Structures are given as structure tokens and as C-alpha cells.
């Protein structure tokens, strides 16, 4: 079900507030667990201080991957936006 119209105003579903509240509580629980148990997210001593070439290469590969993912996501968003704009322009040109 989607939002319903009531007196020229869109009224959100009743369940949407509870979904938002659940998301907020989940996020709060994750942040609290990171603050309370910081040892769980630390790198293991084997990886963190290793001088083994294979471990160092894996570390750099993961760093490049994690740095490149946001760029890829933004790039994909730009491509989608440009395609949408091009499609809208072609629809406007054909209708008018």
C-alpha cells in the first residue's frame, strides 16, 4: 500500500513511522556496540603489523577497493542521471 490522499494532503502509511524508528534503533545499537566493544573492530595483529609481502599487497588492494567503491557509486549515479535527462529531452522534443 502506498500513501493515501486525505483532504488534498498526502498522508503517510502508519507503518512508515515504525520502520523509521526501527532503523534508528538499529543504528543506535550498532554505534553503541562499537563504543562499548571497540576491540571487535580492530585489525588483528597478524594483518596490522605484518611485513609479509602477500599481506601488504592484500591490504593495499582492499584499501584501493574501498576507496574506489564510492567513486563507482557516484559515477553510476551520474550515468543514470544523464540517461534520464537525455530521455526526458527526447520525449519533450518528440511531443512538442
C-alpha atoms as a PDB file:
ATOM      1  CA  UNK A   1       0.000   0.000   0.000  1.00  0.00           C
ATOM      2  CA  UNK A   2       1.147   3.497  -0.740  1.00  0.00           C
ATOM      3  CA  UNK A   3       0.265   6.836   0.791  1.00  0.00           C
ATOM      4  CA  UNK A   4      -3.419   7.758   0.745  1.00  0.00           C
ATOM      5  CA  UNK A   5      -4.977  11.113  -0.124  1.00  0.00           C
ATOM      6  CA  UNK A   6      -6.925  12.930   2.558  1.00  0.00           C
ATOM      7  CA  UNK A   7      -8.252  16.451   2.078  1.00  0.00           C
ATOM      8  CA  UNK A   8      -5.675  17.349  -0.615  1.00  0.00           C
ATOM      9  CA  UNK A   9      -2.773  16.176   1.557  1.00  0.00           C
ATOM     10  CA  UNK A  10      -0.756  13.015   1.287  1.00  0.00           C
ATOM     11  CA  UNK A  11      -0.857  11.014   4.489  1.00  0.00           C
ATOM     12  CA  UNK A  12       1.979   8.572   5.008  1.00  0.00           C
ATOM     13  CA  UNK A  13       1.321   4.976   5.901  1.00  0.00           C
ATOM     14  CA  UNK A  14       1.050   4.275   9.588  1.00  0.00           C
ATOM     15  CA  UNK A  15       3.815   1.648   9.391  1.00  0.00           C
ATOM     16  CA  UNK A  16       6.379   4.053   7.948  1.00  0.00           C
ATOM     17  CA  UNK A  17       6.978   5.716  11.307  1.00  0.00           C
ATOM     18  CA  UNK A  18       7.667   2.391  12.956  1.00  0.00           C
ATOM     19  CA  UNK A  19      10.093   1.448  10.149  1.00  0.00           C
ATOM     20  CA  UNK A  20      11.960   4.706  10.693  1.00  0.00           C
ATOM     21  CA  UNK A  21      12.045   4.112  14.436  1.00  0.00           C
ATOM     22  CA  UNK A  22      13.364   0.562  13.957  1.00  0.00           C
ATOM     23  CA  UNK A  23      16.106   1.821  11.641  1.00  0.00           C
ATOM     24  CA  UNK A  24      17.104   4.484  14.170  1.00  0.00           C
ATOM     25  CA  UNK A  25      17.203   1.948  16.989  1.00  0.00           C
ATOM     26  CA  UNK A  26      19.281  -0.441  14.879  1.00  0.00           C
ATOM     27  CA  UNK A  27      21.752   2.315  14.016  1.00  0.00           C
ATOM     28  CA  UNK A  28      21.939   3.340  17.666  1.00  0.00           C
ATOM     29  CA  UNK A  29      22.594  -0.270  18.719  1.00  0.00           C
ATOM     30  CA  UNK A  30      25.411  -0.609  16.181  1.00  0.00           C
ATOM     31  CA  UNK A  31      27.071   2.638  17.268  1.00  0.00           C
ATOM     32  CA  UNK A  32      26.684   1.701  20.946  1.00  0.00           C
ATOM     33  CA  UNK A  33      28.225  -1.725  20.375  1.00  0.00           C
ATOM     34  CA  UNK A  34      31.198  -0.135  18.593  1.00  0.00           C
ATOM     35  CA  UNK A  35      31.708   2.250  21.506  1.00  0.00           C
ATOM     36  CA  UNK A  36      31.301  -0.456  24.162  1.00  0.00           C
ATOM     37  CA  UNK A  37      33.305  -3.165  22.357  1.00  0.00           C
ATOM     38  CA  UNK A  38      35.987  -1.367  20.293  1.00  0.00           C
ATOM     39  CA  UNK A  39      38.233  -4.455  20.308  1.00  0.00           C
ATOM     40  CA  UNK A  40      35.813  -6.218  17.967  1.00  0.00           C
ATOM     41  CA  UNK A  41      36.562  -3.870  15.077  1.00  0.00           C
ATOM     42  CA  UNK A  42      40.326  -3.635  15.410  1.00  0.00           C
ATOM     43  CA  UNK A  43      42.579  -5.324  12.892  1.00  0.00           C
ATOM     44  CA  UNK A  44      44.249  -8.491  14.037  1.00  0.00           C
ATOM     45  CA  UNK A  45      47.943  -8.141  14.981  1.00  0.00           C
ATOM     46  CA  UNK A  46      48.928 -10.511  12.173  1.00  0.00           C
ATOM     47  CA  UNK A  47      47.489  -8.233   9.493  1.00  0.00           C
ATOM     48  CA  UNK A  48      48.094  -4.876  11.160  1.00  0.00           C
ATOM     49  CA  UNK A  49      51.825  -5.167  11.766  1.00  0.00           C
ATOM     50  CA  UNK A  50      52.718  -7.717   9.147  1.00  0.00           C
ATOM     51  CA  UNK A  51      55.667  -7.215   6.811  1.00  0.00           C
ATOM     52  CA  UNK A  52      54.790 -10.257   4.681  1.00  0.00           C
ATOM     53  CA  UNK A  53      54.561  -9.099   1.056  1.00  0.00           C
ATOM     54  CA  UNK A  54      51.338 -11.003   0.332  1.00  0.00           C
ATOM     55  CA  UNK A  55      49.554  -9.490   3.355  1.00  0.00           C
ATOM     56  CA  UNK A  56      50.753  -5.992   2.445  1.00  0.00           C
ATOM     57  CA  UNK A  57      49.511  -6.443  -1.145  1.00  0.00           C
ATOM     58  CA  UNK A  58      46.134  -7.642   0.131  1.00  0.00           C
ATOM     59  CA  UNK A  59      45.964  -4.627   2.454  1.00  0.00           C
ATOM     60  CA  UNK A  60      46.659  -2.219  -0.417  1.00  0.00           C
ATOM     61  CA  UNK A  61      44.166  -3.992  -2.683  1.00  0.00           C
ATOM     62  CA  UNK A  62      41.444  -3.700  -0.062  1.00  0.00           C
ATOM     63  CA  UNK A  63      42.287  -0.033   0.531  1.00  0.00           C
ATOM     64  CA  UNK A  64      42.025   0.719  -3.204  1.00  0.00           C
ATOM     65  CA  UNK A  65      38.765  -1.231  -3.421  1.00  0.00           C
ATOM     66  CA  UNK A  66      37.224   0.634  -0.508  1.00  0.00           C
ATOM     67  CA  UNK A  67      38.415   3.958  -1.935  1.00  0.00           C
ATOM     68  CA  UNK A  68      37.115   3.166  -5.401  1.00  0.00           C
ATOM     69  CA  UNK A  69      33.636   1.999  -4.403  1.00  0.00           C
ATOM     70  CA  UNK A  70      32.281   5.469  -3.556  1.00  0.00           C
ATOM     71  CA  UNK A  71      33.654   6.802  -6.836  1.00  0.00           C
ATOM     72  CA  UNK A  72      31.976   3.970  -8.741  1.00  0.00           C
ATOM     73  CA  UNK A  73      28.659   4.588  -6.983  1.00  0.00           C
ATOM     74  CA  UNK A  74      28.771   8.322  -7.709  1.00  0.00           C
ATOM     75  CA  UNK A  75      29.776   7.599 -11.305  1.00  0.00           C
ATOM     76  CA  UNK A  76      26.858   5.221 -11.738  1.00  0.00           C
ATOM     77  CA  UNK A  77      24.516   7.866 -10.328  1.00  0.00           C
ATOM     78  CA  UNK A  78      25.831  10.426 -12.817  1.00  0.00           C
ATOM     79  CA  UNK A  79      25.341   7.981 -15.705  1.00  0.00           C
ATOM     80  CA  UNK A  80      21.763   7.263 -14.615  1.00  0.00           C
ATOM     81  CA  UNK A  81      21.051  10.976 -14.261  1.00  0.00           C
ATOM     82  CA  UNK A  82      22.487  11.791 -17.702  1.00  0.00           C
ATOM     83  CA  UNK A  83      20.497   8.986 -19.342  1.00  0.00           C
ATOM     84  CA  UNK A  84      17.331  10.149 -17.612  1.00  0.00           C
ATOM     85  CA  UNK A  85      17.929  13.741 -18.725  1.00  0.00           C
ATOM     86  CA  UNK A  86      18.633  12.639 -22.304  1.00  0.00           C
ATOM     87  CA  UNK A  87      15.446  10.543 -22.345  1.00  0.00           C
ATOM     88  CA  UNK A  88      13.357  13.392 -20.956  1.00  0.00           C
ATOM     89  CA  UNK A  89      14.794  15.768 -23.541  1.00  0.00           C
ATOM     90  CA  UNK A  90      13.998  13.349 -26.396  1.00  0.00           C
ATOM     91  CA  UNK A  91      10.437  12.898 -25.062  1.00  0.00           C
ATOM     92  CA  UNK A  92       9.992  16.689 -24.825  1.00  0.00           C
ATOM     93  CA  UNK A  93      11.311  17.152 -28.368  1.00  0.00           C
ATOM     94  CA  UNK A  94       9.024  14.467 -29.796  1.00  0.00           C
ATOM     95  CA  UNK A  95       5.897  15.782 -28.040  1.00  0.00           C
ATOM     96  CA  UNK A  96       6.344  19.447 -28.792  1.00  0.00           C
END
